[in-house]
Amino acid sequence: MLNDMPVREEIREFLFKVWAEVLAIAALRYGAQGEQTVMLKRVASELVWAASAKPNRTDRARVIQDLPQLLQRLRQGMALLGIVDEPQEAHIKTIGATLSDAFLSKTEAIPQAKIEAMAERLAHLEDFVTDVGGTSDLPLDVHSIELLLGVDAASIEVIPDAAGAKVAEDMLAWAHELQVGNWFMLDHNDRVSQVQFVWRSDRKQLHLFATADGRSFLIQVGRLATYLQAGLLVPAEEETLTVRATRKALAKLDANPERLLS
């Protein structure tokens, strides 16, 4: 989104390395369309505009008026990542220096239409993902996530819908009814992981599950439905009961192996 914008490298790096993670954390904590998340998305476009050249007095007056609130929101977002005290002040100092340069028109002005277009894309990331059974020019994979969000997706396992796969309506309904916050056992590629359902996109096409050790699974709804149907994703309590019953049966056999002969 910033490739064709004359954005200072300091602002570009801040948006890619810090603010993209702020938006991801906010989406998990408040929901993709939550008031706090929407506000933090808007901060990105506000920062890009503030850091562009300000050749006229009206624009400069607007930056001066809006600057305290912008800095407060930047601090609020960084606090979500645990960036506080000296590290936070270092980012604020860099941003402040860039804004000072903008007053001296050392950066090229960015058309307002481009800034508004970027804000629109941030608000509708899910538009890049099709509904079940649809087609898309952009596949759902690690590369596309990094391209769209500007974040390192190395820790995310992307599980997209299978091409041409038919999904039963009752299974889709089940997928849509899963409650955020619940724990599940996920059997993916012969590896079983205990995962928590931490986020669902606004249109319910994307579902994010996270493990305690920092790994994440982004599952498209069609594949999620098939995993539920195949028993590859089960509520953790059900798995616990199953394991408990199996262990109990094995313990009885160990104590009384003659059971196998009866």
C-alpha atoms as a PDB file:
ATOM      1  CA  MET A   1       0.000   0.000   0.000  1.00  0.00           C
ATOM      2  CA  LEU A   2       2.962   2.310   0.555  1.00  0.00           C
ATOM      3  CA  ASN A   3       4.984   1.284  -2.492  1.00  0.00           C
ATOM      4  CA  ASP A   4       3.818   4.194  -4.649  1.00  0.00           C
ATOM      5  CA  MET A   5       3.725   6.764  -1.840  1.00  0.00           C
ATOM      6  CA  PRO A   6       6.624   9.132  -1.091  1.00  0.00           C
ATOM      7  CA  VAL A   7       6.791   8.152   2.566  1.00  0.00           C
ATOM      8  CA  ARG A   8       9.901   8.782   4.632  1.00  0.00           C
ATOM      9  CA  GLU A   9      11.786   5.570   5.398  1.00  0.00           C
ATOM     10  CA  GLU A  10      11.416   6.125   9.149  1.00  0.00           C
ATOM     11  CA  ILE A  11       7.620   6.205   8.869  1.00  0.00           C
ATOM     12  CA  ARG A  12       7.568   3.256   6.457  1.00  0.00           C
ATOM     13  CA  GLU A  13       9.674   1.161   8.846  1.00  0.00           C
ATOM     14  CA  PHE A  14       7.516   2.132  11.833  1.00  0.00           C
ATOM     15  CA  LEU A  15       4.305   1.143  10.032  1.00  0.00           C
ATOM     16  CA  PHE A  16       5.722  -2.192   8.842  1.00  0.00           C
ATOM     17  CA  LYS A  17       7.597  -3.271  11.969  1.00  0.00           C
ATOM     18  CA  VAL A  18       5.490  -1.749  14.751  1.00  0.00           C
ATOM     19  CA  TRP A  19       2.059  -0.592  13.655  1.00  0.00           C
ATOM     20  CA  ALA A  20       1.215  -3.721  11.640  1.00  0.00           C
ATOM     21  CA  GLU A  21       1.681  -5.741  14.845  1.00  0.00           C
ATOM     22  CA  VAL A  22      -0.381  -3.191  16.780  1.00  0.00           C
ATOM     23  CA  LEU A  23      -3.280  -3.721  14.341  1.00  0.00           C
ATOM     24  CA  ALA A  24      -2.943  -7.510  14.571  1.00  0.00           C
ATOM     25  CA  ILE A  25      -3.015  -7.473  18.389  1.00  0.00           C
ATOM     26  CA  ALA A  26      -5.912  -5.006  18.418  1.00  0.00           C
ATOM     27  CA  ALA A  27      -7.915  -7.236  16.058  1.00  0.00           C
ATOM     28  CA  LEU A  28      -7.386 -10.204  18.398  1.00  0.00           C
ATOM     29  CA  ARG A  29      -8.245  -8.262  21.535  1.00  0.00           C
ATOM     30  CA  TYR A  30     -11.066  -5.991  20.360  1.00  0.00           C
ATOM     31  CA  GLY A  31     -12.275  -7.656  17.141  1.00  0.00           C
ATOM     32  CA  ALA A  32     -11.487  -6.665  13.555  1.00  0.00           C
ATOM     33  CA  GLN A  33     -14.251  -4.057  13.523  1.00  0.00           C
ATOM     34  CA  GLY A  34     -14.056  -3.059  17.178  1.00  0.00           C
ATOM     35  CA  GLU A  35     -14.004   0.648  17.975  1.00  0.00           C
ATOM     36  CA  GLN A  36     -10.413   0.556  19.263  1.00  0.00           C
ATOM     37  CA  THR A  37      -9.188  -1.435  16.245  1.00  0.00           C
ATOM     38  CA  VAL A  38     -10.847   0.931  13.765  1.00  0.00           C
ATOM     39  CA  MET A  39      -9.321   3.914  15.567  1.00  0.00           C
ATOM     40  CA  LEU A  40      -5.827   2.401  15.420  1.00  0.00           C
ATOM     41  CA  LYS A  41      -6.262   1.615  11.713  1.00  0.00           C
ATOM     42  CA  ARG A  42      -7.151   5.253  11.115  1.00  0.00           C
ATOM     43  CA  VAL A  43      -3.981   6.351  12.935  1.00  0.00           C
ATOM     44  CA  ALA A  44      -1.886   4.799  10.134  1.00  0.00           C
ATOM     45  CA  SER A  45      -3.387   7.035   7.461  1.00  0.00           C
ATOM     46  CA  GLU A  46      -3.277  10.048   9.792  1.00  0.00           C
ATOM     47  CA  LEU A  47       0.427   9.487  10.391  1.00  0.00           C
ATOM     48  CA  VAL A  48       1.170   9.170   6.666  1.00  0.00           C
ATOM     49  CA  TRP A  49      -0.652  12.432   5.996  1.00  0.00           C
ATOM     50  CA  ALA A  50       0.999  14.276   8.895  1.00  0.00           C
ATOM     51  CA  ALA A  51       4.455  13.183   7.708  1.00  0.00           C
ATOM     52  CA  SER A  52       3.944  14.412   4.138  1.00  0.00           C
ATOM     53  CA  ALA A  53       4.897  17.908   3.009  1.00  0.00           C
ATOM     54  CA  LYS A  54       2.848  20.800   4.410  1.00  0.00           C
ATOM     55  CA  PRO A  55       3.333  23.670   1.933  1.00  0.00           C
ATOM     56  CA  ASN A  56       0.362  25.739   3.117  1.00  0.00           C
ATOM     57  CA  ARG A  57      -0.505  27.316   6.452  1.00  0.00           C
ATOM     58  CA  THR A  58      -3.879  25.586   6.734  1.00  0.00           C
ATOM     59  CA  ASP A  59      -2.346  22.107   6.645  1.00  0.00           C
ATOM     60  CA  ARG A  60       0.320  23.121   9.136  1.00  0.00           C
ATOM     61  CA  ALA A  61      -2.293  24.470  11.519  1.00  0.00           C
ATOM     62  CA  ARG A  62      -4.217  21.196  11.241  1.00  0.00           C
ATOM     63  CA  VAL A  63      -1.116  19.144  12.100  1.00  0.00           C
ATOM     64  CA  ILE A  64      -0.401  21.329  15.153  1.00  0.00           C
ATOM     65  CA  GLN A  65      -4.005  20.971  16.308  1.00  0.00           C
ATOM     66  CA  ASP A  66      -4.187  17.195  15.777  1.00  0.00           C
ATOM     67  CA  LEU A  67      -0.655  16.303  16.911  1.00  0.00           C
ATOM     68  CA  PRO A  68      -1.340  15.761  20.660  1.00  0.00           C
ATOM     69  CA  GLN A  69      -4.167  13.316  19.934  1.00  0.00           C
ATOM     70  CA  LEU A  70      -2.134  11.521  17.230  1.00  0.00           C
ATOM     71  CA  LEU A  71       0.808  11.046  19.584  1.00  0.00           C
ATOM     72  CA  GLN A  72      -1.515   9.832  22.338  1.00  0.00           C
ATOM     73  CA  ARG A  73      -2.994   7.200  20.015  1.00  0.00           C
ATOM     74  CA  LEU A  74       0.469   6.138  18.856  1.00  0.00           C
ATOM     75  CA  ARG A  75       1.477   5.656  22.480  1.00  0.00           C
ATOM     76  CA  GLN A  76      -1.732   3.742  23.173  1.00  0.00           C
ATOM     77  CA  GLY A  77      -1.057   1.380  20.255  1.00  0.00           C
ATOM     78  CA  MET A  78       2.572   0.779  21.202  1.00  0.00           C
ATOM     79  CA  ALA A  79       1.499   0.017  24.769  1.00  0.00           C
ATOM     80  CA  LEU A  80      -0.523  -2.934  23.393  1.00  0.00           C
ATOM     81  CA  LEU A  81       2.782  -4.464  22.270  1.00  0.00           C
ATOM     82  CA  GLY A  82       4.482  -3.699  25.549  1.00  0.00           C
ATOM     83  CA  ILE A  83       6.536  -0.896  23.978  1.00  0.00           C
ATOM     84  CA  VAL A  84       6.774   1.618  26.820  1.00  0.00           C
ATOM     85  CA  ASP A  85       9.263   3.958  28.498  1.00  0.00           C
ATOM     86  CA  GLU A  86      12.540   4.460  26.586  1.00  0.00           C
ATOM     87  CA  PRO A  87      11.701   2.309  23.499  1.00  0.00           C
ATOM     88  CA  GLN A  88       8.397   4.163  23.110  1.00  0.00           C
ATOM     89  CA  GLU A  89      10.065   7.541  23.517  1.00  0.00           C
ATOM     90  CA  ALA A  90      12.625   6.613  20.843  1.00  0.00           C
ATOM     91  CA  HIS A  91       9.835   5.936  18.332  1.00  0.00           C
ATOM     92  CA  ILE A  92       8.037   9.161  19.276  1.00  0.00           C
ATOM     93  CA  LYS A  93      11.263  11.134  18.880  1.00  0.00           C
ATOM     94  CA  THR A  94      11.848   9.694  15.393  1.00  0.00           C
ATOM     95  CA  ILE A  95       8.267  10.427  14.346  1.00  0.00           C
ATOM     96  CA  GLY A  96       8.519  13.955  15.742  1.00  0.00           C
ATOM     97  CA  ALA A  97      11.675  14.634  13.728  1.00  0.00           C
ATOM     98  CA  THR A  98       9.936  13.426  10.566  1.00  0.00           C
ATOM     99  CA  LEU A  99       6.948  15.683  11.204  1.00  0.00           C
ATOM    100  CA  SER A 100       9.310  18.618  11.679  1.00  0.00           C
ATOM    101  CA  ASP A 101      10.839  17.888   8.275  1.00  0.00           C
ATOM    102  CA  ALA A 102       7.337  17.828   6.785  1.00  0.00           C
ATOM    103  CA  PHE A 103       6.853  21.421   7.938  1.00  0.00           C
ATOM    104  CA  LEU A 104       9.935  22.353   5.937  1.00  0.00           C
ATOM    105  CA  SER A 105       8.552  20.472   2.880  1.00  0.00           C
ATOM    106  CA  LYS A 106      11.487  18.076   2.762  1.00  0.00           C
ATOM    107  CA  THR A 107       9.134  15.297   1.737  1.00  0.00           C
ATOM    108  CA  GLU A 108       6.897  15.172  -1.310  1.00  0.00           C
ATOM    109  CA  ALA A 109       3.211  15.783  -0.720  1.00  0.00           C
ATOM    110  CA  ILE A 110       0.989  12.684  -0.806  1.00  0.00           C
ATOM    111  CA  PRO A 111      -2.375  13.086  -2.552  1.00  0.00           C
ATOM    112  CA  GLN A 112      -5.248  12.865  -0.072  1.00  0.00           C
ATOM    113  CA  ALA A 113      -7.000  10.345  -2.345  1.00  0.00           C
ATOM    114  CA  LYS A 114      -4.120   7.894  -1.926  1.00  0.00           C
ATOM    115  CA  ILE A 115      -4.203   8.252   1.843  1.00  0.00           C
ATOM    116  CA  GLU A 116      -7.949   7.661   1.897  1.00  0.00           C
ATOM    117  CA  ALA A 117      -7.527   4.603  -0.342  1.00  0.00           C
ATOM    118  CA  MET A 118      -4.966   3.146   2.067  1.00  0.00           C
ATOM    119  CA  ALA A 119      -7.298   3.721   5.009  1.00  0.00           C
ATOM    120  CA  GLU A 120     -10.080   1.959   3.104  1.00  0.00           C
ATOM    121  CA  ARG A 121      -7.912  -1.091   2.437  1.00  0.00           C
ATOM    122  CA  LEU A 122      -6.886  -1.300   6.076  1.00  0.00           C
ATOM    123  CA  ALA A 123     -10.534  -1.261   7.087  1.00  0.00           C
ATOM    124  CA  HIS A 124     -11.491  -4.044   4.657  1.00  0.00           C
ATOM    125  CA  LEU A 125      -8.638  -6.572   4.579  1.00  0.00           C
ATOM    126  CA  GLU A 126     -11.148  -9.406   4.477  1.00  0.00           C
ATOM    127  CA  ASP A 127     -12.316  -8.221   1.044  1.00  0.00           C
ATOM    128  CA  PHE A 128      -9.237  -9.973  -0.366  1.00  0.00           C
ATOM    129  CA  VAL A 129     -10.603 -13.328   0.754  1.00  0.00           C
ATOM    130  CA  THR A 130     -13.528 -14.921  -1.084  1.00  0.00           C
ATOM    131  CA  ASP A 131     -16.475 -16.712   0.463  1.00  0.00           C
ATOM    132  CA  VAL A 132     -16.700 -20.509   0.453  1.00  0.00           C
ATOM    133  CA  GLY A 133     -16.693 -21.876  -3.079  1.00  0.00           C
ATOM    134  CA  GLY A 134     -15.532 -18.613  -4.667  1.00  0.00           C
ATOM    135  CA  THR A 135     -12.350 -17.854  -6.541  1.00  0.00           C
ATOM    136  CA  SER A 136      -9.728 -15.221  -5.889  1.00  0.00           C
ATOM    137  CA  ASP A 137      -6.736 -13.857  -7.795  1.00  0.00           C
ATOM    138  CA  LEU A 138      -4.864 -13.675  -4.493  1.00  0.00           C
ATOM    139  CA  PRO A 139      -4.312 -17.035  -2.752  1.00  0.00           C
ATOM    140  CA  LEU A 140      -4.510 -17.228   1.014  1.00  0.00           C
ATOM    141  CA  ASP A 141      -0.978 -18.074   2.098  1.00  0.00           C
ATOM    142  CA  VAL A 142       1.883 -16.720   4.188  1.00  0.00           C
ATOM    143  CA  HIS A 143       3.167 -14.596   1.304  1.00  0.00           C
ATOM    144  CA  SER A 144      -0.192 -12.917   0.683  1.00  0.00           C
ATOM    145  CA  ILE A 145      -0.614 -12.176   4.409  1.00  0.00           C
ATOM    146  CA  GLU A 146       2.820 -10.557   4.541  1.00  0.00           C
ATOM    147  CA  LEU A 147       2.015  -8.634   1.348  1.00  0.00           C
ATOM    148  CA  LEU A 148      -1.301  -7.303   2.646  1.00  0.00           C
ATOM    149  CA  LEU A 149      -0.414  -6.664   6.284  1.00  0.00           C
ATOM    150  CA  GLY A 150       3.304  -6.019   6.178  1.00  0.00           C
ATOM    151  CA  VAL A 151       3.943  -8.419   9.073  1.00  0.00           C
ATOM    152  CA  ASP A 152       6.251 -11.383   9.477  1.00  0.00           C
ATOM    153  CA  ALA A 153       3.939 -14.379   9.132  1.00  0.00           C
ATOM    154  CA  ALA A 154       6.603 -17.013   9.746  1.00  0.00           C
ATOM    155  CA  SER A 155       4.846 -18.244  12.896  1.00  0.00           C
ATOM    156  CA  ILE A 156       1.457 -18.531  11.171  1.00  0.00           C
ATOM    157  CA  GLU A 157       0.380 -21.820   9.587  1.00  0.00           C
ATOM    158  CA  VAL A 158      -2.125 -20.923   6.862  1.00  0.00           C
ATOM    159  CA  ILE A 159      -4.779 -23.568   6.136  1.00  0.00           C
ATOM    160  CA  PRO A 160      -6.864 -22.344   3.162  1.00  0.00           C
ATOM    161  CA  ASP A 161      -9.975 -23.867   1.640  1.00  0.00           C
ATOM    162  CA  ALA A 162      -9.282 -26.812  -0.665  1.00  0.00           C
ATOM    163  CA  ALA A 163      -9.950 -25.979  -4.310  1.00  0.00           C
ATOM    164  CA  GLY A 164     -13.285 -27.375  -5.487  1.00  0.00           C
ATOM    165  CA  ALA A 165     -14.116 -28.956  -2.129  1.00  0.00           C
ATOM    166  CA  LYS A 166     -17.800 -29.152  -1.207  1.00  0.00           C
ATOM    167  CA  VAL A 167     -18.684 -28.223   2.336  1.00  0.00           C
ATOM    168  CA  ALA A 168     -21.867 -29.377   4.076  1.00  0.00           C
ATOM    169  CA  GLU A 169     -24.110 -26.560   5.259  1.00  0.00           C
ATOM    170  CA  ASP A 170     -24.493 -28.027   8.750  1.00  0.00           C
ATOM    171  CA  MET A 171     -20.712 -28.161   9.110  1.00  0.00           C
ATOM    172  CA  LEU A 172     -20.437 -24.503   8.049  1.00  0.00           C
ATOM    173  CA  ALA A 173     -23.092 -23.633  10.613  1.00  0.00           C
ATOM    174  CA  TRP A 174     -21.073 -25.485  13.249  1.00  0.00           C
ATOM    175  CA  ALA A 175     -17.920 -23.569  12.262  1.00  0.00           C
ATOM    176  CA  HIS A 176     -19.782 -20.274  12.570  1.00  0.00           C
ATOM    177  CA  GLU A 177     -21.018 -21.196  16.053  1.00  0.00           C
ATOM    178  CA  LEU A 178     -17.575 -21.785  17.583  1.00  0.00           C
ATOM    179  CA  GLN A 179     -17.008 -19.486  20.547  1.00  0.00           C
ATOM    180  CA  VAL A 180     -13.924 -17.280  20.636  1.00  0.00           C
ATOM    181  CA  GLY A 181     -11.849 -18.098  23.719  1.00  0.00           C
ATOM    182  CA  ASN A 182     -12.566 -21.844  23.766  1.00  0.00           C
ATOM    183  CA  TRP A 183      -9.774 -24.429  23.572  1.00  0.00           C
ATOM    184  CA  PHE A 184      -9.532 -27.227  20.994  1.00  0.00           C
ATOM    185  CA  MET A 185      -7.265 -30.086  19.934  1.00  0.00           C
ATOM    186  CA  LEU A 186      -6.127 -29.562  16.327  1.00  0.00           C
ATOM    187  CA  ASP A 187      -4.739 -32.491  14.328  1.00  0.00           C
ATOM    188  CA  HIS A 188      -2.915 -30.922  11.362  1.00  0.00           C
ATOM    189  CA  ASN A 189      -0.388 -32.812   9.225  1.00  0.00           C
ATOM    190  CA  ASP A 190      -0.213 -35.642  11.811  1.00  0.00           C
ATOM    191  CA  ARG A 191       0.691 -33.245  14.608  1.00  0.00           C
ATOM    192  CA  VAL A 192      -1.788 -32.653  17.431  1.00  0.00           C
ATOM    193  CA  SER A 193      -1.726 -29.225  19.098  1.00  0.00           C
ATOM    194  CA  GLN A 194      -3.828 -27.708  21.847  1.00  0.00           C
ATOM    195  CA  VAL A 195      -5.074 -24.399  20.459  1.00  0.00           C
ATOM    196  CA  GLN A 196      -7.295 -21.547  21.574  1.00  0.00           C
ATOM    197  CA  PHE A 197      -9.780 -19.952  19.181  1.00  0.00           C
ATOM    198  CA  VAL A 198      -8.689 -16.307  19.456  1.00  0.00           C
ATOM    199  CA  TRP A 199     -10.219 -14.397  16.522  1.00  0.00           C
ATOM    200  CA  ARG A 200     -12.863 -14.571  13.799  1.00  0.00           C
ATOM    201  CA  SER A 201     -12.998 -12.088  10.907  1.00  0.00           C
ATOM    202  CA  ASP A 202     -16.006  -9.836  10.483  1.00  0.00           C
ATOM    203  CA  ARG A 203     -17.477 -11.872   7.596  1.00  0.00           C
ATOM    204  CA  LYS A 204     -16.625 -15.142   9.373  1.00  0.00           C
ATOM    205  CA  GLN A 205     -14.357 -16.314   6.552  1.00  0.00           C
ATOM    206  CA  LEU A 206     -11.112 -16.426   8.557  1.00  0.00           C
ATOM    207  CA  HIS A 207     -10.495 -18.062  11.933  1.00  0.00           C
ATOM    208  CA  LEU A 208      -7.319 -17.785  13.999  1.00  0.00           C
ATOM    209  CA  PHE A 209      -6.215 -20.409  16.520  1.00  0.00           C
ATOM    210  CA  ALA A 210      -3.137 -19.939  18.730  1.00  0.00           C
ATOM    211  CA  THR A 211      -0.975 -22.254  20.815  1.00  0.00           C
ATOM    212  CA  ALA A 212       0.613 -21.431  24.159  1.00  0.00           C
ATOM    213  CA  ASP A 213       4.087 -21.526  22.580  1.00  0.00           C
ATOM    214  CA  GLY A 214       3.358 -18.750  20.073  1.00  0.00           C
ATOM    215  CA  ARG A 215       2.343 -20.670  16.942  1.00  0.00           C
ATOM    216  CA  SER A 216      -0.849 -19.698  15.110  1.00  0.00           C
ATOM    217  CA  PHE A 217      -3.165 -21.360  12.611  1.00  0.00           C
ATOM    218  CA  LEU A 218      -5.191 -19.184  10.243  1.00  0.00           C
ATOM    219  CA  ILE A 219      -7.967 -21.403   8.887  1.00  0.00           C
ATOM    220  CA  GLN A 220     -10.412 -20.476   6.142  1.00  0.00           C
ATOM    221  CA  VAL A 221     -13.992 -21.372   7.042  1.00  0.00           C
ATOM    222  CA  GLY A 222     -14.458 -24.124   4.435  1.00  0.00           C
ATOM    223  CA  ARG A 223     -11.417 -26.032   5.671  1.00  0.00           C
ATOM    224  CA  LEU A 224     -12.461 -25.416   9.266  1.00  0.00           C
ATOM    225  CA  ALA A 225     -15.810 -27.071   8.539  1.00  0.00           C
ATOM    226  CA  THR A 226     -14.128 -30.116   6.981  1.00  0.00           C
ATOM    227  CA  TYR A 227     -11.754 -30.408   9.955  1.00  0.00           C
ATOM    228  CA  LEU A 228     -14.734 -30.401  12.318  1.00  0.00           C
ATOM    229  CA  GLN A 229     -16.474 -33.054  10.226  1.00  0.00           C
ATOM    230  CA  ALA A 230     -13.388 -35.279  10.106  1.00  0.00           C
ATOM    231  CA  GLY A 231     -12.698 -34.956  13.824  1.00  0.00           C
ATOM    232  CA  LEU A 232      -9.411 -33.147  13.191  1.00  0.00           C
ATOM    233  CA  LEU A 233     -10.601 -30.272  15.392  1.00  0.00           C
ATOM    234  CA  VAL A 234     -12.396 -31.219  18.593  1.00  0.00           C
ATOM    235  CA  PRO A 235     -13.154 -29.330  21.812  1.00  0.00           C
ATOM    236  CA  ALA A 236     -10.298 -29.834  24.261  1.00  0.00           C
ATOM    237  CA  GLU A 237     -12.635 -31.135  26.980  1.00  0.00           C
ATOM    238  CA  GLU A 238     -13.916 -33.867  24.664  1.00  0.00           C
ATOM    239  CA  GLU A 239     -10.348 -34.825  23.849  1.00  0.00           C
ATOM    240  CA  THR A 240      -9.526 -34.866  27.563  1.00  0.00           C
ATOM    241  CA  LEU A 241     -12.426 -37.198  28.273  1.00  0.00           C
ATOM    242  CA  THR A 242     -11.384 -39.505  25.443  1.00  0.00           C
ATOM    243  CA  VAL A 243      -7.782 -39.651  26.621  1.00  0.00           C
ATOM    244  CA  ARG A 244      -8.954 -40.199  30.177  1.00  0.00           C
ATOM    245  CA  ALA A 245     -11.175 -43.127  29.148  1.00  0.00           C
ATOM    246  CA  THR A 246      -8.365 -44.683  27.083  1.00  0.00           C
ATOM    247  CA  ARG A 247      -5.887 -44.433  29.941  1.00  0.00           C
ATOM    248  CA  LYS A 248      -8.417 -45.950  32.309  1.00  0.00           C
ATOM    249  CA  ALA A 249      -8.981 -48.891  29.954  1.00  0.00           C
ATOM    250  CA  LEU A 250      -5.214 -49.448  29.539  1.00  0.00           C
ATOM    251  CA  ALA A 251      -4.726 -49.298  33.290  1.00  0.00           C
ATOM    252  CA  LYS A 252      -7.367 -52.004  33.770  1.00  0.00           C
ATOM    253  CA  LEU A 253      -5.654 -54.198  31.158  1.00  0.00           C
ATOM    254  CA  ASP A 254      -2.288 -53.727  32.853  1.00  0.00           C
ATOM    255  CA  ALA A 255      -3.773 -54.779  36.171  1.00  0.00           C
ATOM    256  CA  ASN A 256      -5.877 -57.589  34.729  1.00  0.00           C
ATOM    257  CA  PRO A 257      -4.472 -58.782  31.334  1.00  0.00           C
ATOM    258  CA  GLU A 258      -6.795 -61.794  31.431  1.00  0.00           C
ATOM    259  CA  ARG A 259      -9.515 -59.393  30.219  1.00  0.00           C
ATOM    260  CA  LEU A 260      -8.066 -59.828  26.697  1.00  0.00           C
ATOM    261  CA  LEU A 261      -8.863 -63.538  26.842  1.00  0.00           C
ATOM    262  CA  SER A 262     -12.452 -63.177  27.959  1.00  0.00           C
END
